[in-house]
Amino acid sequence: MPVVSPGIIAGMTVDEPTPGKPIEIRVHDSAELNLQDDVVGIHGTGVDSEGLLVRESEWEANAQCEQGAIVQATSIGRPPQGEEGALSCGQRYVNYRRSLGEDWWDDPIRVDERDRPWLDCEAFDRRDSKGERLLMQVQGAMVGNERYREWARERKTGLPPGTTIQQAVGLVLEATSHKPPADYVVLLLDAVRLPWLALREVVTEVRRQYAASAGKTGFRAIYVVAWAQSAIRRLDQSE
């Protein structure tokens, strides 16, 4: 049974319409996760630690970071296929925007790629259906056909022991450049099955590199989308 580092732990549900009330864990406490449930998700944070663990009926993903080092990064189960998960990733992002007070966004709907191949889904403004829309392109937080073929063969993927934050950052930056940019589109990097790419330490370094380059991404914004709403983070600038 995995142990999550001390800090703040936020429980999650499948749809996660609103963030749950965090459970406070004292400094010397630990938290255990019961894996008997059909769907379980947990996000633990501490002063110098963070943990993300998600388990569904056919897969499990686990990431742990302690004192600036990734100490756990595993995803067990078959990889997502094609556009599988794109709409649910868009829904998680819309839920996140609603949690910030933007409750006017409707649920996202799929976009026909024959019509607009640069989009995966869009959400309409309930206040004005002909007004602004939230346009989203979804990309896996890790790219590379050979990586996914190996994942399919082994039924698991992850990072080897000793992987540095910089190496994880390289994977994220590779994914951000995989789609042609559009300045009115939000790029979502789906990290639900790859939670180590949404860790706070990784995101902080990605932001630092964007700031150092002083360059524009070409997108309206770039977010990494984890299972936990509390771990959905903007990459191209600080929130």
Protein backbone atom coordinates (compact mmCIF):
# COMPACT_ATOMS: atom_id res chain seq x y z
CA MET A 1 0.00 0.00 0.00
CA PRO A 2 1.63 3.28 -1.08
CA VAL A 3 2.37 6.04 1.40
CA VAL A 4 1.94 9.69 0.43
CA SER A 5 4.26 12.30 1.91
CA PRO A 6 2.97 14.61 4.64
CA GLY A 7 1.27 17.84 3.64
CA ILE A 8 -2.12 18.60 2.08
CA ILE A 9 -4.14 15.78 0.56
CA ALA A 10 -7.08 16.49 -1.72
CA GLY A 11 -9.49 13.67 -2.49
CA MET A 12 -10.90 13.26 -6.00
CA THR A 13 -13.88 11.73 -7.70
CA VAL A 14 -14.27 10.53 -11.29
CA ASP A 15 -15.92 13.70 -12.61
CA GLU A 16 -14.48 16.04 -9.99
CA PRO A 17 -17.01 18.84 -10.64
CA THR A 18 -15.71 20.86 -7.69
CA PRO A 19 -12.54 20.50 -5.62
CA GLY A 20 -13.01 18.61 -2.39
CA LYS A 21 -12.10 20.06 0.99
CA PRO A 22 -8.42 19.26 1.68
CA ILE A 23 -7.46 17.00 4.56
CA GLU A 24 -4.64 18.45 6.63
CA ILE A 25 -1.86 16.04 7.56
CA ARG A 26 0.51 16.91 10.41
CA VAL A 27 4.23 17.03 9.73
CA HIS A 28 5.01 13.61 11.19
CA ASP A 29 1.92 11.89 9.78
CA SER A 30 1.62 9.80 6.65
CA ALA A 31 -1.39 8.88 4.56
CA GLU A 32 -2.25 5.49 3.15
CA LEU A 33 -4.40 4.87 0.11
CA ASN A 34 -6.92 2.05 -0.01
CA LEU A 35 -6.65 0.45 -3.45
CA GLN A 36 -9.78 -1.67 -3.12
CA ASP A 37 -12.04 1.02 -4.58
CA ASP A 38 -12.87 1.03 -8.30
CA VAL A 39 -11.50 4.54 -8.79
CA VAL A 40 -9.14 6.29 -6.41
CA GLY A 41 -7.09 9.44 -6.75
CA ILE A 42 -4.95 11.32 -4.27
CA HIS A 43 -2.69 14.37 -4.36
CA GLY A 44 -0.36 14.93 -1.44
CA THR A 45 1.90 17.94 -0.94
CA GLY A 46 4.45 18.90 1.66
CA VAL A 47 7.10 21.58 2.10
CA ASP A 48 9.60 19.67 -0.03
CA SER A 49 7.53 16.74 -1.30
CA GLU A 50 4.61 15.94 -3.58
CA GLY A 51 2.74 12.79 -4.56
CA LEU A 52 0.15 12.03 -7.23
CA LEU A 53 -1.50 8.63 -7.40
CA VAL A 54 -4.47 7.58 -9.52
CA ARG A 55 -6.01 4.14 -9.89
CA GLU A 56 -8.82 3.04 -12.15
CA SER A 57 -10.01 -0.47 -12.92
CA GLU A 58 -7.51 -1.05 -15.76
CA TRP A 59 -4.58 1.19 -14.89
CA GLU A 60 -2.62 2.86 -12.12
CA ALA A 61 -0.22 5.82 -12.19
CA ASN A 62 2.05 6.99 -9.39
CA ALA A 63 4.49 9.89 -9.07
CA GLN A 64 6.50 11.02 -6.07
CA CYS A 65 8.96 13.90 -5.70
CA GLU A 66 11.06 14.49 -2.60
CA GLN A 67 13.56 17.28 -1.99
CA GLY A 68 13.71 18.20 -5.67
CA ALA A 69 14.20 14.64 -6.95
CA ILE A 70 11.73 12.32 -8.69
CA VAL A 71 11.71 9.13 -6.62
CA GLN A 72 8.70 7.38 -8.19
CA ALA A 73 7.30 7.53 -11.73
CA THR A 74 5.29 4.54 -12.92
CA SER A 75 2.19 3.98 -15.02
CA ILE A 76 0.81 0.44 -15.24
CA GLY A 77 -1.72 -0.70 -17.85
CA ARG A 78 -2.12 -0.24 -21.59
CA PRO A 79 -1.40 3.21 -23.02
CA PRO A 80 -4.22 5.47 -24.27
CA GLN A 81 -5.08 4.94 -27.92
CA GLY A 82 -5.33 7.77 -30.46
CA GLU A 83 -7.63 10.55 -29.28
CA GLU A 84 -8.82 8.51 -26.31
CA GLY A 85 -9.13 10.76 -23.30
CA ALA A 86 -9.10 14.04 -25.24
CA LEU A 87 -12.63 15.03 -24.26
CA SER A 88 -12.19 14.05 -20.61
CA CYS A 89 -8.96 16.08 -20.52
CA GLY A 90 -10.90 19.05 -21.90
CA GLN A 91 -13.58 18.50 -19.26
CA ARG A 92 -11.00 18.54 -16.48
CA TYR A 93 -9.64 21.82 -17.77
CA VAL A 94 -13.13 23.36 -18.02
CA ASN A 95 -13.84 22.22 -14.44
CA TYR A 96 -10.60 23.88 -13.40
CA ARG A 97 -11.61 27.16 -15.08
CA ARG A 98 -14.98 26.98 -13.33
CA SER A 99 -13.21 26.53 -9.99
CA LEU A 100 -11.50 29.88 -10.63
CA GLY A 101 -14.90 31.55 -10.90
CA GLU A 102 -15.46 31.20 -14.65
CA ASP A 103 -18.72 29.32 -14.19
CA TRP A 104 -20.08 30.44 -17.54
CA TRP A 105 -18.27 27.75 -19.55
CA ASP A 106 -20.44 24.90 -20.81
CA ASP A 107 -19.18 21.32 -20.97
CA PRO A 108 -16.75 20.81 -23.86
CA ILE A 109 -17.80 19.05 -27.04
CA ARG A 110 -15.69 17.27 -29.64
CA VAL A 111 -14.73 19.08 -32.82
CA ASP A 112 -14.83 17.25 -36.14
CA GLU A 113 -11.21 17.05 -37.28
CA ARG A 114 -12.38 17.29 -40.90
CA ASP A 115 -13.74 20.72 -40.05
CA ARG A 116 -10.94 22.09 -37.84
CA PRO A 117 -8.04 19.62 -37.60
CA TRP A 118 -6.12 21.90 -35.19
CA LEU A 119 -8.78 21.47 -32.47
CA ASP A 120 -9.96 18.59 -30.31
CA CYS A 121 -12.78 20.20 -28.35
CA GLU A 122 -14.43 23.51 -27.53
CA ALA A 123 -16.63 24.95 -24.80
CA PHE A 124 -19.29 27.59 -25.36
CA ASP A 125 -20.00 30.59 -23.16
CA ARG A 126 -23.44 30.05 -21.58
CA ARG A 127 -23.95 33.81 -21.44
CA ASP A 128 -23.65 34.17 -25.19
CA SER A 129 -23.55 31.08 -27.43
CA LYS A 130 -22.30 33.23 -30.31
CA GLY A 131 -19.59 34.85 -28.23
CA GLU A 132 -16.15 33.66 -27.16
CA ARG A 133 -15.44 29.95 -27.12
CA LEU A 134 -12.79 28.07 -25.21
CA LEU A 135 -10.81 26.28 -27.92
CA MET A 136 -8.65 23.35 -26.83
CA GLN A 137 -6.04 21.16 -28.46
CA VAL A 138 -5.08 18.05 -26.46
CA GLN A 139 -1.67 16.47 -26.65
CA GLY A 140 -0.18 13.66 -24.58
CA ALA A 141 2.37 15.03 -22.11
CA MET A 142 4.82 12.52 -23.57
CA VAL A 143 5.29 12.06 -27.32
CA GLY A 144 7.18 9.55 -29.43
CA ASN A 145 5.82 6.50 -31.27
CA GLU A 146 8.54 4.19 -30.01
CA ARG A 147 7.85 5.16 -26.40
CA TYR A 148 4.19 4.27 -26.82
CA ARG A 149 4.99 1.01 -28.65
CA GLU A 150 7.22 -0.01 -25.74
CA TRP A 151 4.47 1.02 -23.32
CA ALA A 152 2.00 -1.20 -25.21
CA ARG A 153 4.42 -4.16 -25.21
CA GLU A 154 5.34 -3.91 -21.55
CA ARG A 155 1.94 -2.72 -20.32
CA LYS A 156 3.78 -0.13 -18.27
CA THR A 157 5.91 2.98 -18.61
CA GLY A 158 7.74 5.37 -16.35
CA LEU A 159 11.06 6.96 -15.58
CA PRO A 160 14.09 4.96 -14.44
CA PRO A 161 15.56 5.55 -10.97
CA GLY A 162 17.80 8.58 -10.93
CA THR A 163 15.87 10.51 -13.58
CA THR A 164 16.45 14.20 -12.98
CA ILE A 165 13.93 17.02 -13.02
CA GLN A 166 15.70 18.37 -16.12
CA GLN A 167 15.13 15.11 -18.00
CA ALA A 168 11.40 15.24 -17.18
CA VAL A 169 11.32 18.87 -18.27
CA GLY A 170 12.79 17.79 -21.61
CA LEU A 171 9.85 15.43 -22.17
CA VAL A 172 7.35 18.21 -21.41
CA LEU A 173 9.04 20.72 -23.72
CA GLU A 174 9.16 18.09 -26.47
CA ALA A 175 5.40 17.63 -26.14
CA THR A 176 4.70 21.38 -26.24
CA SER A 177 6.41 21.65 -29.63
CA HIS A 178 4.63 18.65 -31.15
CA LYS A 179 1.52 20.55 -32.30
CA PRO A 180 1.47 23.52 -34.70
CA PRO A 181 0.74 26.64 -32.64
CA ALA A 182 -2.43 28.72 -32.88
CA ASP A 183 -2.64 31.93 -30.86
CA TYR A 184 -6.32 31.49 -30.00
CA VAL A 185 -6.05 27.85 -28.86
CA VAL A 186 -5.22 26.51 -25.39
CA LEU A 187 -2.82 23.56 -25.57
CA LEU A 188 -3.56 20.90 -22.95
CA LEU A 189 -0.89 18.33 -22.14
CA ASP A 190 -2.69 15.27 -20.84
CA ALA A 191 -0.72 13.95 -17.86
CA VAL A 192 -3.45 11.89 -16.19
CA ARG A 193 -1.53 8.70 -16.99
CA LEU A 194 1.86 10.44 -16.69
CA PRO A 195 1.55 12.36 -13.41
CA TRP A 196 5.31 12.88 -12.92
CA LEU A 197 5.16 15.41 -15.77
CA ALA A 198 2.74 17.54 -13.72
CA LEU A 199 4.81 17.62 -10.55
CA ARG A 200 5.37 21.08 -9.08
CA GLU A 201 9.18 20.85 -9.41
CA VAL A 202 8.90 19.97 -13.11
CA VAL A 203 6.39 22.74 -13.83
CA THR A 204 8.51 25.32 -12.00
CA GLU A 205 11.52 24.51 -14.17
CA VAL A 206 9.47 24.55 -17.39
CA ARG A 207 8.20 28.02 -16.45
CA ARG A 208 11.75 29.16 -15.73
CA GLN A 209 12.92 28.05 -19.16
CA TYR A 210 10.03 29.80 -20.89
CA ALA A 211 10.82 32.98 -18.95
CA ALA A 212 14.52 32.74 -19.78
CA SER A 213 13.81 32.36 -23.51
CA ALA A 214 11.45 35.38 -23.51
CA GLY A 215 9.79 33.76 -26.49
CA LYS A 216 6.13 33.30 -27.29
CA THR A 217 4.74 29.78 -27.41
CA GLY A 218 2.32 30.51 -30.24
CA PHE A 219 -0.61 29.28 -28.15
CA ARG A 220 -3.05 31.27 -26.09
CA ALA A 221 -1.83 29.27 -23.10
CA ILE A 222 -0.29 25.88 -22.29
CA TYR A 223 -1.43 23.77 -19.35
CA VAL A 224 -0.43 20.39 -18.03
CA VAL A 225 -3.57 18.53 -16.96
CA ALA A 226 -3.29 15.99 -14.18
CA TRP A 227 -6.12 13.98 -12.62
CA ALA A 228 -6.20 16.23 -9.58
CA GLN A 229 -7.63 19.68 -10.15
CA SER A 230 -5.06 20.96 -7.67
CA ALA A 231 -2.27 19.78 -10.02
CA ILE A 232 -3.54 21.42 -13.23
CA ARG A 233 -0.86 24.01 -13.90
CA ARG A 234 -0.03 26.62 -16.49
CA LEU A 235 3.36 26.09 -18.10
CA ASP A 236 4.07 29.13 -20.26
CA GLN A 237 3.84 31.59 -17.36
CA SER A 238 3.20 31.67 -13.64
CA GLU A 239 -0.46 31.67 -12.63
